[in-house]
Amino acid sequence: MSLRAPDLVQLDRDHPGFRDPGYRARRNQIARVALGFAGGPVPDVAYTDAEQEVWRAVRARLDPLHEALAAAPLVEAARRLELPADRIPQLREVNAALEAATGFAMRPVAGLVAARVFLRELGDGTFLSTQYMRHPSAPFYTPEPDVVHELVGHAASLTCPDVAGLSRALGRAAQGADDEGLAALERVYWYTLEFGAVLERDQVKALGAGLLSSVGEIQRLPCAELRPWDLEAIAATPYDPTDYQPRYFVAPSFGRLIDDLSRWVEARFGVTVA
């Protein structure tokens, strides 16, 4: 009798790939790439034709939605990064562009990491990134970060100097924060750089990576519950990462979001945005 090795990656029972043994094996395989990383150029993942097809399908739907619904600074950042639409780029390729633009680098991880670990790494200019692809049965939404989320959402944003500078400041604040402060930082990050929105010419536009990387999420933005911009309210509002977001906080403009967040992190944590 043979015993199957325990999964490196644990999926929730409601995850689209929970009952797919091939997908679970693939997740474990890609996780091993991340766990074996010890510095230097990030090892490539040999993506399958099926994974490449999910990337192409998502990009075909997302790209026109970005033109209509994404904040202008993020659209411009994505154009500068020039992620290929016909194939999944490798993290080492993306890092070359990121490091040239803002000094950030993406480092592979096997899956979700604790908020404190994730935020602290931002303070050192490191973004912890997954490399696996979402399950093909649900290409337009994922309950956890995947390579689409990391690259289309975060990597493009991190080529924007304002977003990169703010990410570093939030990370440095996390490095010295107590549990209460960390909870506030985690919520502020979630409702701004993950699921933030801004006004442009009286229209609500997506700014956060979770919106920019999900067809289902960004399409909900125009008819979602929109809350006024209030960083203290944001810092006190819990969130659920496993489903579509029921609410978004809308900043009066991209510049105002950056300025207010910069002042908030300096006043509360004594950290300035470089």
C-alpha atoms as a PDB file:
ATOM      1  CA  MET A   1       0.000   0.000   0.000  1.00  0.00           C
ATOM      2  CA  SER A   2       1.331   3.441  -0.932  1.00  0.00           C
ATOM      3  CA  LEU A   3       0.570   6.614   0.978  1.00  0.00           C
ATOM      4  CA  ARG A   4       0.225   9.909  -0.856  1.00  0.00           C
ATOM      5  CA  ALA A   5       2.533  12.604   0.446  1.00  0.00           C
ATOM      6  CA  PRO A   6       0.673  15.357   2.316  1.00  0.00           C
ATOM      7  CA  ASP A   7      -0.142  18.461   0.287  1.00  0.00           C
ATOM      8  CA  LEU A   8       2.213  21.393   0.662  1.00  0.00           C
ATOM      9  CA  VAL A   9      -0.724  23.651  -0.220  1.00  0.00           C
ATOM     10  CA  GLN A  10      -3.948  23.324   1.736  1.00  0.00           C
ATOM     11  CA  LEU A  11      -7.105  24.382  -0.108  1.00  0.00           C
ATOM     12  CA  ASP A  12     -10.425  25.222   1.534  1.00  0.00           C
ATOM     13  CA  ARG A  13     -13.299  22.894   0.730  1.00  0.00           C
ATOM     14  CA  ASP A  14     -15.063  25.644  -1.239  1.00  0.00           C
ATOM     15  CA  HIS A  15     -11.979  26.360  -3.363  1.00  0.00           C
ATOM     16  CA  PRO A  16     -12.629  25.644  -7.082  1.00  0.00           C
ATOM     17  CA  GLY A  17      -9.687  23.232  -7.169  1.00  0.00           C
ATOM     18  CA  PHE A  18     -10.339  21.352  -3.919  1.00  0.00           C
ATOM     19  CA  ARG A  19     -11.726  18.241  -5.659  1.00  0.00           C
ATOM     20  CA  ASP A  20      -9.293  18.368  -8.578  1.00  0.00           C
ATOM     21  CA  PRO A  21      -6.303  16.112  -7.769  1.00  0.00           C
ATOM     22  CA  GLY A  22      -4.404  17.289 -10.851  1.00  0.00           C
ATOM     23  CA  TYR A  23      -4.713  20.916  -9.801  1.00  0.00           C
ATOM     24  CA  ARG A  24      -3.693  20.129  -6.241  1.00  0.00           C
ATOM     25  CA  ALA A  25      -0.618  18.257  -7.473  1.00  0.00           C
ATOM     26  CA  ARG A  26       0.277  21.187  -9.713  1.00  0.00           C
ATOM     27  CA  ARG A  27      -0.040  23.630  -6.825  1.00  0.00           C
ATOM     28  CA  ASN A  28       2.321  21.481  -4.777  1.00  0.00           C
ATOM     29  CA  GLN A  29       4.786  21.341  -7.664  1.00  0.00           C
ATOM     30  CA  ILE A  30       4.866  25.126  -8.043  1.00  0.00           C
ATOM     31  CA  ALA A  31       5.056  25.573  -4.272  1.00  0.00           C
ATOM     32  CA  ARG A  32       8.268  23.555  -4.267  1.00  0.00           C
ATOM     33  CA  VAL A  33       9.810  26.069  -6.691  1.00  0.00           C
ATOM     34  CA  ALA A  34       9.121  28.853  -4.200  1.00  0.00           C
ATOM     35  CA  LEU A  35      10.271  26.866  -1.178  1.00  0.00           C
ATOM     36  CA  GLY A  36      13.524  26.052  -2.930  1.00  0.00           C
ATOM     37  CA  PHE A  37      14.303  29.688  -3.723  1.00  0.00           C
ATOM     38  CA  ALA A  38      17.408  30.876  -1.886  1.00  0.00           C
ATOM     39  CA  GLY A  39      18.123  34.180  -3.605  1.00  0.00           C
ATOM     40  CA  GLY A  40      19.327  35.328  -7.000  1.00  0.00           C
ATOM     41  CA  PRO A  41      17.179  35.220 -10.137  1.00  0.00           C
ATOM     42  CA  VAL A  42      13.762  33.714  -9.450  1.00  0.00           C
ATOM     43  CA  PRO A  43      13.503  30.216 -10.991  1.00  0.00           C
ATOM     44  CA  ASP A  44      11.144  29.945 -13.945  1.00  0.00           C
ATOM     45  CA  VAL A  45       7.906  27.967 -13.786  1.00  0.00           C
ATOM     46  CA  ALA A  46       7.205  25.878 -16.898  1.00  0.00           C
ATOM     47  CA  TYR A  47       3.577  26.876 -17.300  1.00  0.00           C
ATOM     48  CA  THR A  48       1.299  24.433 -19.065  1.00  0.00           C
ATOM     49  CA  ASP A  49      -0.766  25.188 -22.158  1.00  0.00           C
ATOM     50  CA  ALA A  50      -3.888  25.152 -19.984  1.00  0.00           C
ATOM     51  CA  GLU A  51      -2.389  27.706 -17.598  1.00  0.00           C
ATOM     52  CA  GLN A  52      -1.321  29.913 -20.493  1.00  0.00           C
ATOM     53  CA  GLU A  53      -4.858  29.740 -21.865  1.00  0.00           C
ATOM     54  CA  VAL A  54      -6.319  30.981 -18.572  1.00  0.00           C
ATOM     55  CA  TRP A  55      -3.885  33.917 -18.641  1.00  0.00           C
ATOM     56  CA  ARG A  56      -4.893  34.792 -22.212  1.00  0.00           C
ATOM     57  CA  ALA A  57      -8.614  34.508 -21.420  1.00  0.00           C
ATOM     58  CA  VAL A  58      -8.338  36.726 -18.363  1.00  0.00           C
ATOM     59  CA  ARG A  59      -6.239  39.338 -20.153  1.00  0.00           C
ATOM     60  CA  ALA A  60      -8.690  39.431 -23.063  1.00  0.00           C
ATOM     61  CA  ARG A  61     -11.460  40.348 -20.629  1.00  0.00           C
ATOM     62  CA  LEU A  62      -9.475  42.543 -18.240  1.00  0.00           C
ATOM     63  CA  ASP A  63      -7.595  44.796 -20.644  1.00  0.00           C
ATOM     64  CA  PRO A  64     -10.676  46.599 -22.036  1.00  0.00           C
ATOM     65  CA  LEU A  65     -12.156  46.816 -18.529  1.00  0.00           C
ATOM     66  CA  HIS A  66      -8.997  48.597 -17.360  1.00  0.00           C
ATOM     67  CA  GLU A  67      -9.340  51.165 -20.115  1.00  0.00           C
ATOM     68  CA  ALA A  68     -12.877  51.924 -18.934  1.00  0.00           C
ATOM     69  CA  LEU A  69     -12.715  51.398 -15.165  1.00  0.00           C
ATOM     70  CA  ALA A  70      -9.108  51.646 -13.893  1.00  0.00           C
ATOM     71  CA  ALA A  71      -7.504  54.794 -12.499  1.00  0.00           C
ATOM     72  CA  ALA A  72      -5.390  56.586 -15.087  1.00  0.00           C
ATOM     73  CA  PRO A  73      -2.048  56.335 -13.178  1.00  0.00           C
ATOM     74  CA  LEU A  74      -2.469  52.556 -13.003  1.00  0.00           C
ATOM     75  CA  VAL A  75      -3.365  52.264 -16.691  1.00  0.00           C
ATOM     76  CA  GLU A  76      -0.214  54.219 -17.509  1.00  0.00           C
ATOM     77  CA  ALA A  77       1.882  52.057 -15.166  1.00  0.00           C
ATOM     78  CA  ALA A  78       0.608  48.887 -16.847  1.00  0.00           C
ATOM     79  CA  ARG A  79       1.536  50.280 -20.247  1.00  0.00           C
ATOM     80  CA  ARG A  80       5.063  50.963 -19.036  1.00  0.00           C
ATOM     81  CA  LEU A  81       5.456  47.469 -17.625  1.00  0.00           C
ATOM     82  CA  GLU A  82       4.185  45.893 -20.878  1.00  0.00           C
ATOM     83  CA  LEU A  83       3.209  42.501 -19.488  1.00  0.00           C
ATOM     84  CA  PRO A  84       2.697  40.156 -22.456  1.00  0.00           C
ATOM     85  CA  ALA A  85      -0.945  39.275 -23.080  1.00  0.00           C
ATOM     86  CA  ASP A  86      -0.216  36.004 -24.895  1.00  0.00           C
ATOM     87  CA  ARG A  87       1.876  34.267 -22.203  1.00  0.00           C
ATOM     88  CA  ILE A  88       2.528  34.313 -18.471  1.00  0.00           C
ATOM     89  CA  PRO A  89       5.710  36.284 -17.799  1.00  0.00           C
ATOM     90  CA  GLN A  90       8.266  34.917 -15.361  1.00  0.00           C
ATOM     91  CA  LEU A  91       8.985  36.767 -12.118  1.00  0.00           C
ATOM     92  CA  ARG A  92      12.630  37.233 -13.132  1.00  0.00           C
ATOM     93  CA  GLU A  93      11.442  39.143 -16.239  1.00  0.00           C
ATOM     94  CA  VAL A  94       9.107  41.311 -14.218  1.00  0.00           C
ATOM     95  CA  ASN A  95      11.789  41.979 -11.611  1.00  0.00           C
ATOM     96  CA  ALA A  96      14.111  43.440 -14.216  1.00  0.00           C
ATOM     97  CA  ALA A  97      11.485  46.050 -15.100  1.00  0.00           C
ATOM     98  CA  LEU A  98      10.381  46.655 -11.513  1.00  0.00           C
ATOM     99  CA  GLU A  99      13.879  47.160 -10.189  1.00  0.00           C
ATOM    100  CA  ALA A 100      14.632  49.639 -12.952  1.00  0.00           C
ATOM    101  CA  ALA A 101      11.417  51.576 -12.293  1.00  0.00           C
ATOM    102  CA  THR A 102      11.156  51.721  -8.493  1.00  0.00           C
ATOM    103  CA  GLY A 103      13.695  49.315  -6.997  1.00  0.00           C
ATOM    104  CA  PHE A 104      11.072  46.754  -5.995  1.00  0.00           C
ATOM    105  CA  ALA A 105      11.529  43.015  -6.529  1.00  0.00           C
ATOM    106  CA  MET A 106       9.095  40.118  -6.350  1.00  0.00           C
ATOM    107  CA  ARG A 107      10.124  37.059  -4.328  1.00  0.00           C
ATOM    108  CA  PRO A 108       8.271  33.756  -4.741  1.00  0.00           C
ATOM    109  CA  VAL A 109       6.201  32.234  -1.943  1.00  0.00           C
ATOM    110  CA  ALA A 110       4.219  29.000  -1.905  1.00  0.00           C
ATOM    111  CA  GLY A 111       0.932  30.654  -0.923  1.00  0.00           C
ATOM    112  CA  LEU A 112      -0.617  33.074   1.516  1.00  0.00           C
ATOM    113  CA  VAL A 113       1.666  34.455   4.217  1.00  0.00           C
ATOM    114  CA  ALA A 114       0.835  36.228   7.461  1.00  0.00           C
ATOM    115  CA  ALA A 115       0.009  39.916   7.133  1.00  0.00           C
ATOM    116  CA  ARG A 116       2.924  40.940   9.331  1.00  0.00           C
ATOM    117  CA  VAL A 117       5.389  39.003   7.173  1.00  0.00           C
ATOM    118  CA  PHE A 118       3.931  40.343   3.925  1.00  0.00           C
ATOM    119  CA  LEU A 119       3.869  43.982   5.060  1.00  0.00           C
ATOM    120  CA  ARG A 120       7.312  43.890   6.671  1.00  0.00           C
ATOM    121  CA  GLU A 121       8.857  42.687   3.414  1.00  0.00           C
ATOM    122  CA  LEU A 122       7.307  45.652   1.590  1.00  0.00           C
ATOM    123  CA  GLY A 123       9.342  47.891   3.860  1.00  0.00           C
ATOM    124  CA  ASP A 124      12.500  46.427   2.331  1.00  0.00           C
ATOM    125  CA  GLY A 125      11.264  46.770  -1.249  1.00  0.00           C
ATOM    126  CA  THR A 126      10.285  43.100  -1.559  1.00  0.00           C
ATOM    127  CA  PHE A 127       6.879  41.899  -2.704  1.00  0.00           C
ATOM    128  CA  LEU A 128       6.063  38.307  -1.771  1.00  0.00           C
ATOM    129  CA  SER A 129       4.447  36.802  -4.850  1.00  0.00           C
ATOM    130  CA  THR A 130       2.742  33.532  -5.691  1.00  0.00           C
ATOM    131  CA  GLN A 131       3.441  31.887  -9.072  1.00  0.00           C
ATOM    132  CA  TYR A 132       0.540  29.466  -9.526  1.00  0.00           C
ATOM    133  CA  MET A 133      -2.497  29.976 -11.775  1.00  0.00           C
ATOM    134  CA  ARG A 134      -6.107  30.082 -10.576  1.00  0.00           C
ATOM    135  CA  HIS A 135      -8.322  27.085 -11.309  1.00  0.00           C
ATOM    136  CA  PRO A 136      -9.576  27.053 -14.938  1.00  0.00           C
ATOM    137  CA  SER A 137     -13.188  26.552 -13.828  1.00  0.00           C
ATOM    138  CA  ALA A 138     -13.205  30.046 -12.295  1.00  0.00           C
ATOM    139  CA  PRO A 139     -10.894  32.202 -14.433  1.00  0.00           C
ATOM    140  CA  PHE A 140     -12.515  35.544 -13.643  1.00  0.00           C
ATOM    141  CA  TYR A 141     -12.298  35.394  -9.848  1.00  0.00           C
ATOM    142  CA  THR A 142      -9.948  33.772  -7.368  1.00  0.00           C
ATOM    143  CA  PRO A 143     -10.383  33.522  -3.580  1.00  0.00           C
ATOM    144  CA  GLU A 144      -6.620  33.809  -3.088  1.00  0.00           C
ATOM    145  CA  PRO A 145      -3.749  35.624  -4.796  1.00  0.00           C
ATOM    146  CA  ASP A 146      -2.406  33.919  -7.943  1.00  0.00           C
ATOM    147  CA  VAL A 147       0.002  34.904 -10.699  1.00  0.00           C
ATOM    148  CA  VAL A 148      -2.676  37.003 -12.445  1.00  0.00           C
ATOM    149  CA  HIS A 149      -3.355  38.918  -9.249  1.00  0.00           C
ATOM    150  CA  GLU A 150       0.324  39.419  -8.490  1.00  0.00           C
ATOM    151  CA  LEU A 151       1.377  40.594 -11.952  1.00  0.00           C
ATOM    152  CA  VAL A 152      -1.655  42.326 -13.451  1.00  0.00           C
ATOM    153  CA  GLY A 153      -2.619  43.805 -10.098  1.00  0.00           C
ATOM    154  CA  HIS A 154       0.479  44.417  -7.996  1.00  0.00           C
ATOM    155  CA  ALA A 155       3.480  44.373 -10.324  1.00  0.00           C
ATOM    156  CA  ALA A 156       1.961  46.973 -12.628  1.00  0.00           C
ATOM    157  CA  SER A 157       1.056  49.151  -9.619  1.00  0.00           C
ATOM    158  CA  LEU A 158       4.560  48.895  -8.170  1.00  0.00           C
ATOM    159  CA  THR A 159       6.056  50.476 -11.279  1.00  0.00           C
ATOM    160  CA  CYS A 160       4.230  53.650 -10.192  1.00  0.00           C
ATOM    161  CA  PRO A 161       6.623  55.580  -7.892  1.00  0.00           C
ATOM    162  CA  ASP A 162       3.802  56.895  -5.688  1.00  0.00           C
ATOM    163  CA  VAL A 163       2.444  53.393  -5.037  1.00  0.00           C
ATOM    164  CA  ALA A 164       5.924  51.949  -4.525  1.00  0.00           C
ATOM    165  CA  GLY A 165       6.861  54.686  -2.056  1.00  0.00           C
ATOM    166  CA  LEU A 166       3.648  54.270  -0.126  1.00  0.00           C
ATOM    167  CA  SER A 167       4.069  50.473  -0.059  1.00  0.00           C
ATOM    168  CA  ARG A 168       7.533  50.841   1.426  1.00  0.00           C
ATOM    169  CA  ALA A 169       6.271  53.276   4.071  1.00  0.00           C
ATOM    170  CA  LEU A 170       3.416  50.975   5.104  1.00  0.00           C
ATOM    171  CA  GLY A 171       5.921  48.128   5.296  1.00  0.00           C
ATOM    172  CA  ARG A 172       8.358  50.075   7.452  1.00  0.00           C
ATOM    173  CA  ALA A 173       5.472  50.985   9.747  1.00  0.00           C
ATOM    174  CA  ALA A 174       4.602  47.290  10.064  1.00  0.00           C
ATOM    175  CA  GLN A 175       8.171  46.458  11.036  1.00  0.00           C
ATOM    176  CA  GLY A 176       7.762  48.386  14.284  1.00  0.00           C
ATOM    177  CA  ALA A 177       3.997  48.102  14.885  1.00  0.00           C
ATOM    178  CA  ASP A 178       2.298  46.383  17.800  1.00  0.00           C
ATOM    179  CA  ASP A 179      -0.672  44.089  17.174  1.00  0.00           C
ATOM    180  CA  GLU A 180      -3.199  46.926  17.217  1.00  0.00           C
ATOM    181  CA  GLY A 181      -1.137  49.008  14.834  1.00  0.00           C
ATOM    182  CA  LEU A 182      -0.581  46.054  12.534  1.00  0.00           C
ATOM    183  CA  ALA A 183      -4.340  45.407  12.351  1.00  0.00           C
ATOM    184  CA  ALA A 184      -4.877  49.037  11.337  1.00  0.00           C
ATOM    185  CA  LEU A 185      -2.141  48.830   8.696  1.00  0.00           C
ATOM    186  CA  GLU A 186      -3.540  45.580   7.326  1.00  0.00           C
ATOM    187  CA  ARG A 187      -7.023  47.076   6.918  1.00  0.00           C
ATOM    188  CA  VAL A 188      -5.738  50.283   5.379  1.00  0.00           C
ATOM    189  CA  TYR A 189      -3.639  48.323   2.905  1.00  0.00           C
ATOM    190  CA  TRP A 190      -6.632  46.109   2.058  1.00  0.00           C
ATOM    191  CA  TYR A 191      -9.056  48.961   1.409  1.00  0.00           C
ATOM    192  CA  THR A 192      -6.561  51.042  -0.579  1.00  0.00           C
ATOM    193  CA  LEU A 193      -3.801  49.172  -2.419  1.00  0.00           C
ATOM    194  CA  GLU A 194      -5.812  45.929  -2.609  1.00  0.00           C
ATOM    195  CA  PHE A 195      -9.387  47.157  -3.087  1.00  0.00           C
ATOM    196  CA  GLY A 196      -9.179  50.939  -3.219  1.00  0.00           C
ATOM    197  CA  ALA A 197     -11.059  53.196  -5.614  1.00  0.00           C
ATOM    198  CA  VAL A 198     -10.724  56.863  -6.566  1.00  0.00           C
ATOM    199  CA  LEU A 199     -12.768  59.495  -8.324  1.00  0.00           C
ATOM    200  CA  GLU A 200     -11.719  60.761 -11.754  1.00  0.00           C
ATOM    201  CA  ARG A 201     -13.987  63.374 -13.324  1.00  0.00           C
ATOM    202  CA  ASP A 202     -16.819  62.262 -11.032  1.00  0.00           C
ATOM    203  CA  GLN A 203     -16.421  58.609 -12.087  1.00  0.00           C
ATOM    204  CA  VAL A 204     -15.362  55.850  -9.713  1.00  0.00           C
ATOM    205  CA  LYS A 205     -12.188  54.127 -10.921  1.00  0.00           C
ATOM    206  CA  ALA A 206     -10.381  51.046  -9.613  1.00  0.00           C
ATOM    207  CA  LEU A 207      -6.983  51.431  -7.995  1.00  0.00           C
ATOM    208  CA  GLY A 208      -6.454  48.310  -5.862  1.00  0.00           C
ATOM    209  CA  ALA A 209      -4.790  45.176  -7.187  1.00  0.00           C
ATOM    210  CA  GLY A 210      -7.709  42.966  -6.188  1.00  0.00           C
ATOM    211  CA  LEU A 211      -9.992  45.002  -8.423  1.00  0.00           C
ATOM    212  CA  LEU A 212      -7.509  45.270 -11.275  1.00  0.00           C
ATOM    213  CA  SER A 213      -6.892  41.507 -11.416  1.00  0.00           C
ATOM    214  CA  SER A 214     -10.476  40.213 -11.217  1.00  0.00           C
ATOM    215  CA  VAL A 215     -13.004  40.495 -14.029  1.00  0.00           C
ATOM    216  CA  GLY A 216     -15.829  39.750 -11.633  1.00  0.00           C
ATOM    217  CA  GLU A 217     -14.647  42.235  -9.002  1.00  0.00           C
ATOM    218  CA  ILE A 218     -13.958  45.210 -11.245  1.00  0.00           C
ATOM    219  CA  GLN A 219     -17.268  44.781 -13.063  1.00  0.00           C
ATOM    220  CA  ARG A 220     -19.092  45.149  -9.748  1.00  0.00           C
ATOM    221  CA  LEU A 221     -17.444  48.469  -8.943  1.00  0.00           C
ATOM    222  CA  PRO A 222     -19.969  50.832 -10.616  1.00  0.00           C
ATOM    223  CA  CYS A 223     -22.912  49.338  -8.685  1.00  0.00           C
ATOM    224  CA  ALA A 224     -21.202  48.386  -5.403  1.00  0.00           C
ATOM    225  CA  GLU A 225     -21.666  49.958  -1.968  1.00  0.00           C
ATOM    226  CA  LEU A 226     -19.354  52.962  -2.019  1.00  0.00           C
ATOM    227  CA  ARG A 227     -18.247  54.518   1.243  1.00  0.00           C
ATOM    228  CA  PRO A 228     -16.755  57.980   1.810  1.00  0.00           C
ATOM    229  CA  TRP A 229     -13.031  58.407   2.172  1.00  0.00           C
ATOM    230  CA  ASP A 230     -12.163  58.192   5.889  1.00  0.00           C
ATOM    231  CA  LEU A 231      -8.892  56.559   6.905  1.00  0.00           C
ATOM    232  CA  GLU A 232      -9.871  56.149  10.550  1.00  0.00           C
ATOM    233  CA  ALA A 233     -13.048  54.352   9.498  1.00  0.00           C
ATOM    234  CA  ILE A 234     -11.019  52.223   7.082  1.00  0.00           C
ATOM    235  CA  ALA A 235      -8.522  51.290   9.808  1.00  0.00           C
ATOM    236  CA  ALA A 236     -11.420  50.060  11.978  1.00  0.00           C
ATOM    237  CA  THR A 237     -13.329  48.104   9.292  1.00  0.00           C
ATOM    238  CA  PRO A 238     -12.749  44.319   9.132  1.00  0.00           C
ATOM    239  CA  TYR A 239     -12.710  42.545   5.768  1.00  0.00           C
ATOM    240  CA  ASP A 240     -13.344  39.098   4.321  1.00  0.00           C
ATOM    241  CA  PRO A 241     -10.667  37.980   1.811  1.00  0.00           C
ATOM    242  CA  THR A 242     -12.593  34.891   0.637  1.00  0.00           C
ATOM    243  CA  ASP A 243     -15.407  36.499  -1.362  1.00  0.00           C
ATOM    244  CA  TYR A 244     -16.315  39.502  -3.487  1.00  0.00           C
ATOM    245  CA  GLN A 245     -15.978  42.661  -1.449  1.00  0.00           C
ATOM    246  CA  PRO A 246     -19.291  44.128  -0.247  1.00  0.00           C
ATOM    247  CA  ARG A 247     -17.946  47.677  -0.031  1.00  0.00           C
ATOM    248  CA  TYR A 248     -15.250  49.995  -1.357  1.00  0.00           C
ATOM    249  CA  PHE A 249     -13.913  53.224   0.118  1.00  0.00           C
ATOM    250  CA  VAL A 250     -13.537  55.911  -2.548  1.00  0.00           C
ATOM    251  CA  ALA A 251     -10.831  58.587  -2.333  1.00  0.00           C
ATOM    252  CA  PRO A 252     -11.563  61.991  -3.929  1.00  0.00           C
ATOM    253  CA  SER A 253      -8.592  61.485  -6.288  1.00  0.00           C
ATOM    254  CA  PHE A 254      -5.462  59.396  -6.765  1.00  0.00           C
ATOM    255  CA  GLY A 255      -3.308  62.248  -5.474  1.00  0.00           C
ATOM    256  CA  ARG A 256      -5.479  62.662  -2.405  1.00  0.00           C
ATOM    257  CA  LEU A 257      -5.241  58.943  -1.606  1.00  0.00           C
ATOM    258  CA  ILE A 258      -1.450  59.067  -1.779  1.00  0.00           C
ATOM    259  CA  ASP A 259      -1.189  62.313   0.208  1.00  0.00           C
ATOM    260  CA  ASP A 260      -3.668  61.333   2.926  1.00  0.00           C
ATOM    261  CA  LEU A 261      -2.159  57.888   3.370  1.00  0.00           C
ATOM    262  CA  SER A 262       1.332  59.382   3.555  1.00  0.00           C
ATOM    263  CA  ARG A 263       0.228  61.788   6.285  1.00  0.00           C
ATOM    264  CA  TRP A 264      -1.637  59.019   8.140  1.00  0.00           C
ATOM    265  CA  VAL A 265       1.323  56.642   8.276  1.00  0.00           C
ATOM    266  CA  GLU A 266       3.637  59.461   9.382  1.00  0.00           C
ATOM    267  CA  ALA A 267       1.264  60.723  12.100  1.00  0.00           C
ATOM    268  CA  ARG A 268       0.435  57.281  13.479  1.00  0.00           C
ATOM    269  CA  PHE A 269       3.730  55.441  13.022  1.00  0.00           C
ATOM    270  CA  GLY A 270       6.360  58.146  12.530  1.00  0.00           C
ATOM    271  CA  VAL A 271       7.283  56.795   9.085  1.00  0.00           C
ATOM    272  CA  THR A 272       7.717  59.139   6.139  1.00  0.00           C
ATOM    273  CA  VAL A 273       7.237  58.261   2.486  1.00  0.00           C
ATOM    274  CA  ALA A 274      10.571  58.549   0.728  1.00  0.00           C
END
